[in-house]
């Protein structure tokens, strides 16, 4: 009799545990998205140092390709291609198919005279958006112009 009661209790406990909602691990780096509107406003105003100042603290909380990409863009526009290259690579390490970075990195390659690198990024964009996309179109125009993009 005691064994039956103990067995029923065990079944009830297991059933109760299984009925609980699953709890996700809170990982801000992958679940939350940062508010990039203030940094984008600085970029739109050509205040790249201000954008860098807003984006850099986000690195401690987020591993987000948008953050890395905007940092790369801001550094490139500020004239620091080495830092730009570092952040573009981080964005692509996070998401190898991140179209904005493929475009901006391709533009940086043009600035550096690396036409092969720019064309490689364009080829990847063509694969990612065979029907066309803004990133592919912009990089294609920059390559066709043959001039470095600032």
Protein backbone atom coordinates (compact mmCIF):
# COMPACT_ATOMS: atom_id res chain seq x y z
CA UNK A 1 0.00 0.00 0.00
CA UNK A 2 2.79 2.45 0.91
CA UNK A 3 4.57 1.58 -2.30
CA UNK A 4 1.47 2.43 -4.37
CA UNK A 5 1.07 5.77 -2.59
CA UNK A 6 4.76 6.59 -3.01
CA UNK A 7 4.54 5.66 -6.71
CA UNK A 8 1.48 7.87 -7.20
CA UNK A 9 3.22 10.77 -5.46
CA UNK A 10 6.28 10.33 -7.67
CA UNK A 11 4.10 10.30 -10.79
CA UNK A 12 2.26 13.42 -9.59
CA UNK A 13 5.54 15.23 -8.90
CA UNK A 14 6.96 14.35 -12.32
CA UNK A 15 3.72 15.37 -14.03
CA UNK A 16 3.75 18.66 -12.11
CA UNK A 17 7.32 19.40 -13.12
CA UNK A 18 6.59 18.58 -16.75
CA UNK A 19 3.59 20.91 -16.67
CA UNK A 20 5.73 23.91 -15.69
CA UNK A 21 6.57 26.33 -18.48
CA UNK A 22 10.06 26.04 -19.90
CA UNK A 23 12.33 28.78 -18.64
CA UNK A 24 14.79 30.21 -21.13
CA UNK A 25 18.25 31.28 -20.18
CA UNK A 26 18.44 35.05 -20.31
CA UNK A 27 21.24 35.86 -22.71
CA UNK A 28 21.10 39.54 -23.60
CA UNK A 29 23.68 39.10 -26.33
CA UNK A 30 21.34 36.97 -28.40
CA UNK A 31 17.80 37.73 -27.21
CA UNK A 32 17.69 41.51 -26.80
CA UNK A 33 18.22 43.95 -29.61
CA UNK A 34 19.88 47.25 -28.81
CA UNK A 35 18.17 50.56 -29.53
CA UNK A 36 20.30 51.88 -32.36
CA UNK A 37 18.13 54.88 -33.24
CA UNK A 38 20.32 57.40 -31.37
CA UNK A 39 23.49 56.08 -33.05
CA UNK A 40 21.79 56.09 -36.47
CA UNK A 41 20.75 59.71 -35.88
CA UNK A 42 24.39 60.61 -35.18
CA UNK A 43 25.47 58.80 -38.35
CA UNK A 44 22.78 60.58 -40.39
CA UNK A 45 24.15 63.87 -39.03
CA UNK A 46 27.71 62.83 -40.01
CA UNK A 47 28.66 62.80 -36.32
CA UNK A 48 30.66 59.60 -36.53
CA UNK A 49 32.60 60.23 -33.32
CA UNK A 50 29.27 60.67 -31.53
CA UNK A 51 27.97 57.42 -33.04
CA UNK A 52 31.13 55.59 -31.94
CA UNK A 53 30.63 57.00 -28.44
CA UNK A 54 27.09 55.63 -28.32
CA UNK A 55 27.87 52.28 -29.91
CA UNK A 56 31.04 51.33 -28.03
CA UNK A 57 29.35 50.80 -24.62
CA UNK A 58 26.87 48.44 -26.31
CA UNK A 59 29.73 46.00 -26.96
CA UNK A 60 29.70 44.93 -23.31
CA UNK A 61 26.09 43.74 -23.56
CA UNK A 62 25.46 42.84 -27.19
CA UNK A 63 27.07 40.63 -29.77
CA UNK A 64 24.99 42.04 -32.56
CA UNK A 65 26.01 42.37 -36.21
CA UNK A 66 24.19 45.72 -36.44
CA UNK A 67 26.31 47.16 -33.63
CA UNK A 68 29.53 45.89 -35.19
CA UNK A 69 28.48 47.05 -38.65
CA UNK A 70 27.58 50.57 -37.51
CA UNK A 71 30.86 50.81 -35.63
CA UNK A 72 32.71 49.69 -38.77
CA UNK A 73 30.82 52.24 -40.87
CA UNK A 74 31.48 55.04 -38.37
CA UNK A 75 35.18 54.23 -38.14
CA UNK A 76 35.46 54.03 -41.94
CA UNK A 77 33.75 57.39 -42.35
CA UNK A 78 36.09 58.77 -39.66
CA UNK A 79 39.09 57.61 -41.67
CA UNK A 80 40.12 54.68 -39.46
CA UNK A 81 40.03 51.80 -41.92
CA UNK A 82 41.87 49.45 -39.58
CA UNK A 83 39.18 49.73 -36.89
CA UNK A 84 36.49 49.61 -39.58
CA UNK A 85 37.92 46.35 -40.92
CA UNK A 86 37.97 44.88 -37.42
CA UNK A 87 34.32 45.65 -36.79
CA UNK A 88 33.16 44.59 -40.24
CA UNK A 89 34.87 41.24 -39.64
CA UNK A 90 33.21 40.91 -36.22
CA UNK A 91 29.83 41.54 -37.85
CA UNK A 92 30.50 38.85 -40.44
CA UNK A 93 31.81 36.47 -37.77
CA UNK A 94 28.47 36.94 -36.01
CA UNK A 95 26.42 36.64 -39.21
CA UNK A 96 28.33 35.71 -42.38
CA UNK A 97 25.32 36.72 -44.50
CA UNK A 98 24.75 40.15 -42.98
CA UNK A 99 24.02 42.17 -46.10
CA UNK A 100 24.73 45.68 -44.77
CA UNK A 101 28.23 44.64 -43.76
CA UNK A 102 28.90 42.93 -47.07
CA UNK A 103 28.02 46.20 -48.81
CA UNK A 104 30.01 48.49 -46.49
CA UNK A 105 33.02 46.20 -46.36
CA UNK A 106 32.92 46.05 -50.16
CA UNK A 107 32.96 49.85 -50.25
CA UNK A 108 35.94 49.85 -47.91
CA UNK A 109 37.69 47.39 -50.23
CA UNK A 110 37.15 49.87 -53.06
CA UNK A 111 38.71 52.63 -50.94
CA UNK A 112 41.72 50.37 -50.47
CA UNK A 113 41.96 49.53 -54.17
CA UNK A 114 40.92 45.93 -53.48
CA UNK A 115 38.58 45.38 -56.42
CA UNK A 116 38.72 41.59 -55.97
CA UNK A 117 37.47 41.89 -52.38
CA UNK A 118 34.67 44.22 -53.44
CA UNK A 119 33.64 41.86 -56.25
CA UNK A 120 33.69 38.87 -53.87
CA UNK A 121 31.28 40.71 -51.56
CA UNK A 122 29.09 41.60 -54.54
CA UNK A 123 29.01 37.94 -55.62
CA UNK A 124 27.91 36.92 -52.12
CA UNK A 125 25.21 39.61 -52.14
CA UNK A 126 24.02 38.36 -55.53
CA UNK A 127 23.64 34.89 -54.04
CA UNK A 128 21.82 36.21 -50.96
CA UNK A 129 19.38 38.34 -52.92
CA UNK A 130 19.02 37.00 -56.45
CA UNK A 131 16.01 39.26 -57.09
CA UNK A 132 18.04 42.26 -56.02
CA UNK A 133 18.40 44.23 -52.82
CA UNK A 134 19.57 47.69 -51.87
CA UNK A 135 22.95 46.48 -50.59
CA UNK A 136 23.72 44.61 -53.81
CA UNK A 137 22.55 47.50 -55.99
CA UNK A 138 24.61 50.08 -54.07
CA UNK A 139 27.80 48.02 -54.14
CA UNK A 140 27.29 47.17 -57.81
CA UNK A 141 26.99 50.90 -58.65
CA UNK A 142 30.13 51.70 -56.65
CA UNK A 143 32.09 48.97 -58.45
CA UNK A 144 30.79 50.09 -61.84
CA UNK A 145 31.86 53.66 -61.08
CA UNK A 146 35.31 52.29 -60.34
CA UNK A 147 35.92 55.09 -57.88
CA UNK A 148 36.69 54.68 -54.21
CA UNK A 149 33.70 55.19 -51.97
CA UNK A 150 34.22 57.28 -48.85
